[in-house]
Amino acid sequence: MSSVRRHIIPFLLVILIATASCAGRRSKAEHKDLIPPADLTSILTDSYLADGLLGIPEVRYKFNESDTLQCYIDIIEKHGYTKDEMERTMRYYFIRKPKRLVKIYDKVLGKLSEMESIADKDLLTFDSRSLNIWQGERFYHLPGPDSANIPWVDMQGSFFGTLYLSFTIIIYPDDQTADPHVGFWFSQTDSGAIEKRTAITPVRLLKDGRPHTYTLTIKNPYRGESRLRGWFTGEALAPDLIYHQCINNVVLSRSKISK
């Protein structure tokens, strides 16, 4: 919780500056139409959580074309208040009642601490076998800033036995993949430098611009070190094709993944 304590005061300052940025010269700390402390605590808690989520690449990507400030305004309005009321309330507490703001800050910390405690308990309930052993990226988007081609997956490890692969994928209608399907295989090279392969049964993927989650049961017959290779949506790259896909929430586990 110490990290929260270090960052929440700068965060509150950012909220004040952001909400005041559109207030022009209205600098008086007016004591009217203020947000009640209980609701202000909830707004600041939700805003702090949103600030953390916006730091995650998968989430930040979805908001890269919108004004980040709008995310906070949406939170304020969700609680039934306006940006002007938030600006007026924060200005009032900063200027007139800083000690009361400290008390509100303590309540925000308390709520965040409670959430953190619940999350820690939930993590302890996971069996060690349920840990995600996926070695690649958790998020892929095509076309991306670094590549326009389907990402090539090549992981090495002790993958013997039954594994469960789960991911969510969106393939947009303008994607030019003719027959999108999962194209992975396990491989192992013997002492004679001969590679043995076992393909994963192909699973056809929908191309309708909507998110679909797939959970596959895959079996690797090779003991010891082996490789998991292939592509999410094909068996070979075609450089001239245009790909428009989004893949996220990739999990590779030794325990069955609940849908």
Protein backbone atom coordinates (compact mmCIF):
# COMPACT_ATOMS: atom_id res chain seq x y z
CA MET A 1 0.00 0.00 0.00
CA SER A 2 3.05 2.27 0.36
CA SER A 3 3.15 2.75 -3.42
CA VAL A 4 -0.42 4.02 -3.30
CA ARG A 5 0.51 6.47 -0.54
CA ARG A 6 3.43 7.79 -2.58
CA HIS A 7 1.38 8.36 -5.70
CA ILE A 8 -2.05 9.43 -4.54
CA ILE A 9 -1.13 13.00 -3.51
CA PRO A 10 0.40 13.80 -6.93
CA PHE A 11 -2.66 12.12 -8.42
CA LEU A 12 -5.00 14.41 -6.45
CA LEU A 13 -2.99 17.40 -7.67
CA VAL A 14 -3.37 16.20 -11.25
CA ILE A 15 -7.13 15.86 -10.76
CA LEU A 16 -7.29 19.42 -9.44
CA ILE A 17 -5.20 20.82 -12.29
CA ALA A 18 -7.13 18.83 -14.89
CA THR A 19 -10.54 19.90 -13.66
CA ALA A 20 -9.38 23.48 -13.22
CA SER A 21 -7.81 23.68 -16.68
CA CYS A 22 -11.13 24.57 -18.24
CA ALA A 23 -12.21 26.91 -15.44
CA GLY A 24 -10.52 30.04 -16.75
CA ARG A 25 -10.23 32.77 -14.14
CA ARG A 26 -12.83 31.38 -11.74
CA SER A 27 -10.27 31.07 -8.97
CA LYS A 28 -12.44 31.72 -5.93
CA ALA A 29 -12.98 28.78 -3.61
CA GLU A 30 -16.76 28.97 -3.50
CA HIS A 31 -18.63 27.15 -0.77
CA LYS A 32 -21.70 26.14 -2.74
CA ASP A 33 -22.85 23.15 -4.76
CA LEU A 34 -20.01 21.06 -3.34
CA ILE A 35 -19.83 17.30 -3.77
CA PRO A 36 -20.51 15.55 -0.43
CA PRO A 37 -17.43 13.93 1.16
CA ALA A 38 -18.75 10.36 0.75
CA ASP A 39 -19.37 10.82 -2.97
CA LEU A 40 -16.08 12.66 -3.40
CA THR A 41 -14.29 9.71 -1.80
CA SER A 42 -15.91 7.32 -4.29
CA ILE A 43 -15.07 9.57 -7.25
CA LEU A 44 -11.42 9.89 -6.21
CA THR A 45 -11.16 6.13 -5.62
CA ASP A 46 -12.58 5.31 -9.05
CA SER A 47 -10.39 7.98 -10.66
CA TYR A 48 -7.26 6.55 -9.06
CA LEU A 49 -8.15 3.07 -10.31
CA ALA A 50 -8.82 4.46 -13.80
CA ASP A 51 -5.45 6.20 -13.75
CA GLY A 52 -3.79 2.86 -13.02
CA LEU A 53 -5.74 1.05 -15.73
CA LEU A 54 -4.79 3.69 -18.31
CA GLY A 55 -1.17 2.76 -17.66
CA ILE A 56 -1.78 -0.76 -18.99
CA PRO A 57 -0.92 -0.99 -22.74
CA GLU A 58 -3.99 -3.07 -23.59
CA VAL A 59 -6.27 -0.48 -22.00
CA ARG A 60 -4.33 2.58 -23.13
CA TYR A 61 -4.57 1.40 -26.75
CA LYS A 62 -8.37 1.58 -26.61
CA PHE A 63 -8.24 5.18 -25.47
CA ASN A 64 -5.45 6.43 -27.69
CA GLU A 65 -7.82 8.43 -29.87
CA SER A 66 -9.81 10.01 -27.05
CA ASP A 67 -9.03 12.72 -24.56
CA THR A 68 -7.75 11.14 -21.35
CA LEU A 69 -9.47 13.89 -19.38
CA GLN A 70 -12.79 12.63 -20.72
CA CYS A 71 -12.26 9.36 -18.85
CA TYR A 72 -12.22 11.26 -15.55
CA ILE A 73 -15.18 13.39 -16.57
CA ASP A 74 -17.12 10.21 -17.33
CA ILE A 75 -16.38 8.95 -13.81
CA ILE A 76 -17.58 12.21 -12.27
CA GLU A 77 -20.77 12.14 -14.32
CA LYS A 78 -21.35 8.46 -13.48
CA HIS A 79 -21.64 9.54 -9.86
CA GLY A 80 -24.19 12.20 -10.80
CA TYR A 81 -22.01 15.31 -10.79
CA THR A 82 -20.44 17.67 -13.33
CA LYS A 83 -16.85 18.61 -14.06
CA ASP A 84 -17.53 22.13 -12.76
CA GLU A 85 -18.82 20.75 -9.46
CA MET A 86 -15.72 18.57 -9.14
CA GLU A 87 -13.42 21.50 -9.91
CA ARG A 88 -15.24 23.73 -7.43
CA THR A 89 -15.15 21.05 -4.72
CA MET A 90 -11.45 20.24 -5.14
CA ARG A 91 -10.52 23.92 -5.22
CA TYR A 92 -12.54 24.56 -2.07
CA TYR A 93 -10.83 21.77 -0.13
CA PHE A 94 -7.35 22.64 -1.34
CA ILE A 95 -7.72 26.32 -0.46
CA ARG A 96 -10.18 26.43 2.43
CA LYS A 97 -10.24 23.01 4.07
CA PRO A 98 -6.97 21.14 3.45
CA LYS A 99 -7.32 19.18 6.72
CA ARG A 100 -10.69 17.85 5.60
CA LEU A 101 -9.12 16.86 2.30
CA VAL A 102 -6.54 14.86 4.25
CA LYS A 103 -9.38 13.00 5.97
CA ILE A 104 -10.99 12.28 2.59
CA TYR A 105 -7.58 11.15 1.33
CA ASP A 106 -7.35 8.73 4.28
CA LYS A 107 -10.77 7.29 3.38
CA VAL A 108 -9.65 6.81 -0.24
CA LEU A 109 -6.55 5.00 1.03
CA GLY A 110 -8.77 2.84 3.23
CA LYS A 111 -10.97 1.80 0.31
CA LEU A 112 -7.96 1.09 -1.89
CA SER A 113 -6.32 -0.90 0.92
CA GLU A 114 -9.48 -2.98 1.32
CA MET A 115 -9.56 -3.68 -2.43
CA GLU A 116 -5.88 -4.63 -2.37
CA SER A 117 -6.46 -7.01 0.55
CA ILE A 118 -9.31 -8.75 -1.29
CA ALA A 119 -7.18 -9.05 -4.43
CA ASP A 120 -4.28 -10.54 -2.44
CA LYS A 121 -6.58 -13.14 -0.90
CA ASP A 122 -7.95 -14.04 -4.33
CA LEU A 123 -4.42 -14.52 -5.67
CA LEU A 124 -3.61 -16.92 -2.85
CA THR A 125 -6.49 -19.16 -3.90
CA PHE A 126 -4.92 -19.89 -7.28
CA ASP A 127 -3.19 -23.23 -7.60
CA SER A 128 0.42 -22.90 -8.70
CA ARG A 129 -0.42 -24.96 -11.77
CA SER A 130 -2.83 -22.25 -12.87
CA LEU A 131 -0.03 -19.76 -13.42
CA ASN A 132 0.19 -18.41 -16.94
CA ILE A 133 3.21 -19.99 -18.64
CA TRP A 134 2.69 -18.09 -21.90
CA GLN A 135 6.04 -16.54 -22.81
CA GLY A 136 4.88 -14.24 -25.59
CA GLU A 137 3.02 -10.96 -25.53
CA ARG A 138 -0.38 -10.81 -23.88
CA PHE A 139 -1.61 -8.30 -26.47
CA TYR A 140 -1.18 -8.14 -30.24
CA HIS A 141 -2.70 -5.69 -32.69
CA LEU A 142 -2.36 -5.63 -36.47
CA PRO A 143 -1.38 -3.48 -38.12
CA GLY A 144 0.88 -2.41 -35.28
CA PRO A 145 3.59 0.24 -34.88
CA ASP A 146 6.38 -2.31 -35.33
CA SER A 147 4.91 -4.83 -37.75
CA ALA A 148 2.01 -5.38 -40.12
CA ASN A 149 2.45 -9.18 -40.18
CA ILE A 150 0.87 -11.87 -38.01
CA PRO A 151 3.13 -12.31 -34.94
CA TRP A 152 5.30 -15.40 -35.06
CA VAL A 153 5.22 -17.37 -31.80
CA ASP A 154 8.24 -19.43 -30.76
CA MET A 155 8.52 -20.52 -27.12
CA GLN A 156 10.76 -23.12 -25.51
CA GLY A 157 10.06 -24.95 -22.26
CA SER A 158 8.83 -28.12 -20.58
CA PHE A 159 5.42 -28.32 -22.21
CA PHE A 160 4.89 -32.08 -21.98
CA GLY A 161 1.33 -33.21 -21.27
CA THR A 162 -2.04 -31.52 -21.48
CA LEU A 163 -2.15 -27.74 -21.64
CA TYR A 164 -4.94 -25.22 -22.03
CA LEU A 165 -4.61 -22.22 -24.33
CA SER A 166 -7.12 -19.39 -24.04
CA PHE A 167 -7.24 -16.07 -25.89
CA THR A 168 -9.67 -13.44 -27.11
CA ILE A 169 -9.43 -12.35 -30.73
CA ILE A 170 -11.13 -9.83 -32.98
CA ILE A 171 -10.71 -10.30 -36.73
CA TYR A 172 -12.19 -7.39 -38.63
CA PRO A 173 -14.10 -7.89 -41.91
CA ASP A 174 -11.46 -6.01 -43.91
CA ASP A 175 -8.77 -8.50 -42.81
CA GLN A 176 -7.60 -10.35 -45.93
CA THR A 177 -6.89 -13.71 -44.29
CA ALA A 178 -8.80 -16.19 -46.45
CA ASP A 179 -9.17 -18.94 -43.85
CA PRO A 180 -8.26 -17.68 -40.37
CA HIS A 181 -7.51 -20.54 -38.00
CA VAL A 182 -5.19 -21.38 -35.14
CA GLY A 183 -1.94 -22.69 -36.59
CA PHE A 184 0.31 -23.87 -33.74
CA TRP A 185 2.43 -26.98 -33.33
CA PHE A 186 4.83 -28.55 -30.84
CA SER A 187 8.29 -29.52 -32.01
CA GLN A 188 11.38 -31.20 -30.65
CA THR A 189 14.79 -31.75 -32.21
CA ASP A 190 16.45 -35.09 -31.48
CA SER A 191 20.15 -35.88 -31.15
CA GLY A 192 20.37 -36.27 -34.92
CA ALA A 193 19.14 -32.70 -35.45
CA ILE A 194 15.88 -34.04 -36.86
CA GLU A 195 12.83 -32.00 -35.91
CA LYS A 196 9.66 -33.83 -34.94
CA ARG A 197 6.34 -31.97 -35.11
CA THR A 198 2.88 -32.46 -33.67
CA ALA A 199 0.30 -30.00 -34.94
CA ILE A 200 -2.52 -28.66 -32.80
CA THR A 201 -5.91 -29.40 -34.32
CA PRO A 202 -6.85 -26.31 -36.37
CA VAL A 203 -9.70 -24.22 -34.99
CA ARG A 204 -11.52 -21.95 -37.42
CA LEU A 205 -11.83 -18.34 -36.25
CA LEU A 206 -14.72 -15.97 -36.92
CA LYS A 207 -14.06 -12.83 -38.93
CA ASP A 208 -16.93 -10.52 -37.96
CA GLY A 209 -15.26 -7.63 -36.11
CA ARG A 210 -16.46 -8.89 -32.73
CA PRO A 211 -14.43 -10.30 -29.80
CA HIS A 212 -14.52 -14.09 -29.45
CA THR A 213 -12.81 -16.08 -26.69
CA TYR A 214 -11.42 -19.52 -27.52
CA THR A 215 -10.18 -22.10 -25.02
CA LEU A 216 -8.25 -25.00 -26.56
CA THR A 217 -7.12 -28.24 -24.97
CA ILE A 218 -3.73 -29.06 -26.48
CA LYS A 219 -1.49 -32.08 -25.90
CA ASN A 220 2.27 -32.15 -26.25
CA PRO A 221 3.77 -35.66 -26.59
CA TYR A 222 7.39 -34.57 -26.19
CA ARG A 223 9.07 -35.02 -22.82
CA GLY A 224 11.79 -32.64 -21.78
CA GLU A 225 12.42 -29.40 -23.61
CA SER A 226 10.25 -28.69 -26.64
CA ARG A 227 8.96 -25.69 -28.55
CA LEU A 228 5.54 -24.23 -29.19
CA ARG A 229 5.53 -22.51 -32.55
CA GLY A 230 3.17 -21.01 -35.08
CA TRP A 231 0.67 -18.23 -35.64
CA PHE A 232 -2.68 -17.34 -34.15
CA THR A 233 -4.41 -17.02 -37.52
CA GLY A 234 -2.59 -19.07 -40.11
CA GLU A 235 0.15 -21.46 -41.08
CA ALA A 236 2.24 -19.15 -43.21
CA LEU A 237 2.72 -15.46 -43.76
CA ALA A 238 1.59 -13.70 -46.91
CA PRO A 239 3.41 -10.34 -46.97
CA ASP A 240 1.06 -8.79 -49.50
CA LEU A 241 -2.08 -9.32 -47.42
CA ILE A 242 -3.56 -6.71 -45.12
CA TYR A 243 -4.16 -7.97 -41.58
CA HIS A 244 -6.59 -6.29 -39.19
CA GLN A 245 -6.72 -8.22 -35.93
CA CYS A 246 -6.58 -7.75 -32.18
CA ILE A 247 -5.51 -10.55 -29.82
CA ASN A 248 -5.44 -10.26 -26.04
CA ASN A 249 -5.89 -12.09 -22.73
CA VAL A 250 -3.57 -14.90 -23.85
CA VAL A 251 -3.23 -17.60 -21.19
CA LEU A 252 -1.33 -20.90 -21.41
CA SER A 253 -1.94 -23.03 -18.32
CA ARG A 254 -1.59 -26.57 -17.00
CA SER A 255 -4.96 -26.25 -15.27
CA LYS A 256 -8.27 -26.01 -17.08
CA ILE A 257 -9.26 -22.42 -17.69
CA SER A 258 -12.76 -21.44 -16.61
CA LYS A 259 -14.76 -19.65 -19.26
